[in-house]
């Protein structure tokens, strides 16, 4: 009891001393005004976006469904909010192939942007994400032989893209066709193709 009383008295004395140490009217005021809009000012690094989107395409079955693309450049302008894609394709590439490539690449570009600025939402089988709410798309694929355009897509920011974001359907179909193609090949003992039943 006596010990408890002594501790209580000491605590009260300490509190009184601490209270008396702060001069009146001399308190330090700290203003905290967090800028919740700071992320709105993030400028995308388009070199990084280019690299990350290409890595994303390469990760889809090692990029094999899109081997018809010979060259690819992704760039943009954060001030005009324009995303520019220029690709060249090998001879014989169809417009449908390019359209499916565009669908896959736009998803990969959006997801690369998400890793830089989390205000954007990732793509899904039902959506290209939200990057294109802010950015205009200028997308074109040309023939590497004659330079003529095989496919182009121009979509102002916020407007409907008009493609199916579920590029996995195309990949699955490509895999089935590849299996059929391989089943029509006849090999010799050394693994060389001696007859191609697809021709």
Protein backbone atom coordinates (compact mmCIF):
# COMPACT_ATOMS: atom_id res chain seq x y z
CA UNK A 1 0.00 0.00 0.00
CA UNK A 2 2.77 2.37 1.01
CA UNK A 3 4.75 1.46 -2.13
CA UNK A 4 1.72 2.14 -4.34
CA UNK A 5 1.13 5.51 -2.65
CA UNK A 6 4.75 6.57 -3.18
CA UNK A 7 4.60 5.62 -6.89
CA UNK A 8 1.35 7.54 -7.35
CA UNK A 9 2.81 10.66 -5.71
CA UNK A 10 5.94 10.45 -7.88
CA UNK A 11 3.85 10.10 -11.06
CA UNK A 12 1.73 13.14 -10.14
CA UNK A 13 4.85 15.18 -9.44
CA UNK A 14 6.41 14.17 -12.76
CA UNK A 15 3.24 15.15 -14.61
CA UNK A 16 3.21 18.54 -12.89
CA UNK A 17 6.86 19.17 -13.80
CA UNK A 18 6.30 18.16 -17.44
CA UNK A 19 3.24 20.40 -17.71
CA UNK A 20 5.19 23.33 -16.38
CA UNK A 21 7.97 22.90 -18.97
CA UNK A 22 5.89 24.13 -21.89
CA UNK A 23 5.68 27.93 -22.02
CA UNK A 24 2.26 29.32 -22.80
CA UNK A 25 1.71 30.38 -26.40
CA UNK A 26 4.97 28.78 -27.53
CA UNK A 27 3.56 25.47 -28.72
CA UNK A 28 4.86 24.14 -32.05
CA UNK A 29 2.15 23.58 -34.65
CA UNK A 30 2.65 21.07 -37.45
CA UNK A 31 0.27 21.27 -40.39
CA UNK A 32 -0.37 18.03 -42.22
CA UNK A 33 -1.92 18.48 -45.64
CA UNK A 34 -1.33 15.29 -47.66
CA UNK A 35 -1.66 15.70 -51.41
CA UNK A 36 -4.06 12.96 -52.37
CA UNK A 37 -3.81 14.05 -56.01
CA UNK A 38 -0.04 13.57 -56.22
CA UNK A 39 -0.45 10.30 -58.15
CA UNK A 40 -2.47 12.13 -60.80
CA UNK A 41 0.76 13.88 -61.81
CA UNK A 42 2.74 10.70 -62.58
CA UNK A 43 4.15 10.72 -66.12
CA UNK A 44 4.51 7.32 -67.71
CA UNK A 45 7.98 6.16 -68.72
CA UNK A 46 7.32 5.02 -72.28
CA UNK A 47 10.68 3.27 -72.68
CA UNK A 48 9.81 1.11 -69.69
CA UNK A 49 6.27 0.68 -71.02
CA UNK A 50 7.68 -0.53 -74.35
CA UNK A 51 9.96 -3.07 -72.66
CA UNK A 52 7.35 -4.35 -70.19
CA UNK A 53 4.65 -4.73 -72.86
CA UNK A 54 7.02 -6.69 -75.13
CA UNK A 55 7.92 -8.92 -72.18
CA UNK A 56 4.18 -9.44 -71.63
CA UNK A 57 3.64 -10.50 -75.25
CA UNK A 58 6.69 -12.81 -75.07
CA UNK A 59 5.20 -14.49 -72.01
CA UNK A 60 2.12 -15.60 -73.98
CA UNK A 61 3.18 -19.08 -75.18
CA UNK A 62 6.71 -17.70 -75.62
CA UNK A 63 5.29 -15.19 -78.08
CA UNK A 64 4.66 -17.92 -80.65
CA UNK A 65 1.06 -16.95 -81.48
CA UNK A 66 2.43 -13.61 -82.69
CA UNK A 67 5.56 -14.71 -84.59
CA UNK A 68 4.24 -12.88 -87.64
CA UNK A 69 5.29 -9.58 -86.01
CA UNK A 70 8.78 -8.75 -87.26
CA UNK A 71 9.32 -5.44 -85.49
CA UNK A 72 7.51 -3.44 -82.83
CA UNK A 73 7.81 0.04 -81.37
CA UNK A 74 5.64 1.45 -78.58
CA UNK A 75 5.86 5.14 -77.72
CA UNK A 76 3.68 7.84 -76.28
CA UNK A 77 3.28 11.44 -75.25
CA UNK A 78 2.22 12.15 -71.67
CA UNK A 79 1.32 15.76 -72.54
CA UNK A 80 -0.95 15.04 -75.50
CA UNK A 81 -2.03 11.73 -73.90
CA UNK A 82 -1.34 9.75 -77.08
CA UNK A 83 -0.12 6.17 -77.28
CA UNK A 84 1.57 5.24 -80.57
CA UNK A 85 2.21 1.67 -81.71
CA UNK A 86 4.02 0.87 -84.95
CA UNK A 87 4.60 -2.75 -85.98
CA UNK A 88 5.75 -4.52 -89.12
CA UNK A 89 4.51 -7.99 -90.04
CA UNK A 90 5.87 -10.69 -92.32
CA UNK A 91 4.39 -11.35 -95.73
CA UNK A 92 1.09 -13.24 -95.64
CA UNK A 93 -0.06 -11.82 -92.29
CA UNK A 94 -3.82 -11.30 -92.29
CA UNK A 95 -5.80 -8.39 -90.92
CA UNK A 96 -7.43 -10.79 -88.44
CA UNK A 97 -3.99 -11.80 -87.14
CA UNK A 98 -3.12 -8.14 -86.63
CA UNK A 99 -6.41 -7.46 -84.90
CA UNK A 100 -5.81 -10.28 -82.43
CA UNK A 101 -2.28 -9.04 -81.88
CA UNK A 102 -3.63 -5.54 -81.20
CA UNK A 103 -6.03 -6.94 -78.63
CA UNK A 104 -3.25 -8.78 -76.78
CA UNK A 105 -0.79 -5.90 -76.99
CA UNK A 106 -3.25 -3.27 -75.76
CA UNK A 107 -3.88 -5.43 -72.68
CA UNK A 108 -0.14 -5.78 -72.09
CA UNK A 109 0.46 -2.04 -72.51
CA UNK A 110 -2.31 -1.23 -70.04
CA UNK A 111 -0.91 -3.70 -67.49
CA UNK A 112 2.59 -2.26 -67.95
CA UNK A 113 1.13 1.18 -67.18
CA UNK A 114 -0.53 -0.19 -64.02
CA UNK A 115 2.90 -1.14 -62.68
CA UNK A 116 3.93 2.52 -63.01
CA UNK A 117 0.71 4.21 -61.91
CA UNK A 118 -1.73 2.31 -59.73
CA UNK A 119 -4.60 4.67 -60.53
CA UNK A 120 -5.10 2.51 -63.64
CA UNK A 121 -6.96 -0.79 -63.41
CA UNK A 122 -5.54 -3.99 -64.94
CA UNK A 123 -6.97 -5.62 -68.04
CA UNK A 124 -9.19 -8.69 -67.95
CA UNK A 125 -11.10 -10.95 -70.34
CA UNK A 126 -13.82 -8.27 -70.34
CA UNK A 127 -11.80 -5.06 -70.31
CA UNK A 128 -8.67 -3.45 -71.71
CA UNK A 129 -8.19 -1.74 -68.35
CA UNK A 130 -8.50 2.00 -67.79
CA UNK A 131 -5.36 3.44 -69.43
CA UNK A 132 -7.34 4.20 -72.58
CA UNK A 133 -9.79 6.35 -70.67
CA UNK A 134 -6.91 8.86 -70.63
CA UNK A 135 -4.88 7.94 -73.73
CA UNK A 136 -5.73 8.06 -77.44
CA UNK A 137 -4.65 4.95 -79.37
CA UNK A 138 -2.74 5.31 -82.65
CA UNK A 139 -1.97 1.72 -83.72
CA UNK A 140 -0.74 0.51 -87.11
CA UNK A 141 0.76 -2.66 -88.58
CA UNK A 142 2.51 -2.53 -91.95
CA UNK A 143 3.82 -5.20 -94.33
CA UNK A 144 7.60 -5.53 -94.03
CA UNK A 145 7.88 -6.24 -97.77
CA UNK A 146 6.01 -3.33 -99.31
CA UNK A 147 5.42 -0.98 -96.34
CA UNK A 148 1.68 -0.90 -96.94
CA UNK A 149 -0.66 -0.91 -93.98
CA UNK A 150 -2.29 -4.23 -93.12
CA UNK A 151 -4.16 -2.94 -90.11
CA UNK A 152 -4.75 0.31 -88.27
CA UNK A 153 -6.69 1.34 -85.20
CA UNK A 154 -7.33 4.90 -84.05
CA UNK A 155 -9.40 5.38 -80.92
CA UNK A 156 -9.79 8.72 -79.10
CA UNK A 157 -9.36 8.59 -75.32
CA UNK A 158 -12.42 7.32 -73.48
CA UNK A 159 -14.13 5.84 -76.55
CA UNK A 160 -14.99 2.18 -77.21
CA UNK A 161 -11.99 0.29 -78.59
CA UNK A 162 -14.09 -2.14 -80.60
CA UNK A 163 -11.93 -5.22 -80.07
CA UNK A 164 -12.36 -8.25 -77.84
CA UNK A 165 -9.95 -7.99 -74.89
CA UNK A 166 -10.14 -11.76 -74.37
CA UNK A 167 -7.09 -12.54 -76.53
CA UNK A 168 -6.81 -15.92 -74.80
CA UNK A 169 -9.54 -17.19 -77.15
CA UNK A 170 -7.28 -16.44 -80.10
CA UNK A 171 -4.32 -18.14 -78.37
CA UNK A 172 -6.39 -21.26 -77.66
CA UNK A 173 -7.55 -21.42 -81.29
CA UNK A 174 -3.97 -20.92 -82.48
CA UNK A 175 -2.81 -23.81 -80.27
CA UNK A 176 -5.50 -26.12 -81.72
CA UNK A 177 -4.55 -25.20 -85.29
CA UNK A 178 -0.88 -25.77 -84.47
CA UNK A 179 -1.64 -29.27 -83.20
CA UNK A 180 -3.59 -30.06 -86.39
CA UNK A 181 -0.72 -28.73 -88.49
CA UNK A 182 1.84 -30.84 -86.60
CA UNK A 183 -0.33 -33.96 -86.89
CA UNK A 184 -0.15 -33.69 -90.69
CA UNK A 185 3.65 -33.74 -90.76
CA UNK A 186 5.54 -36.98 -91.41
CA UNK A 187 9.08 -37.27 -90.03
CA UNK A 188 11.98 -39.59 -90.80
CA UNK A 189 14.09 -41.38 -88.17
CA UNK A 190 16.26 -38.27 -87.74
CA UNK A 191 13.29 -36.00 -87.03
CA UNK A 192 13.31 -34.30 -90.42
CA UNK A 193 10.01 -33.55 -92.15
CA UNK A 194 9.70 -35.80 -95.19
CA UNK A 195 6.06 -35.06 -96.00
CA UNK A 196 3.81 -32.13 -95.20
CA UNK A 197 0.16 -33.11 -95.41
CA UNK A 198 -0.86 -29.47 -94.94
CA UNK A 199 0.25 -28.54 -98.45
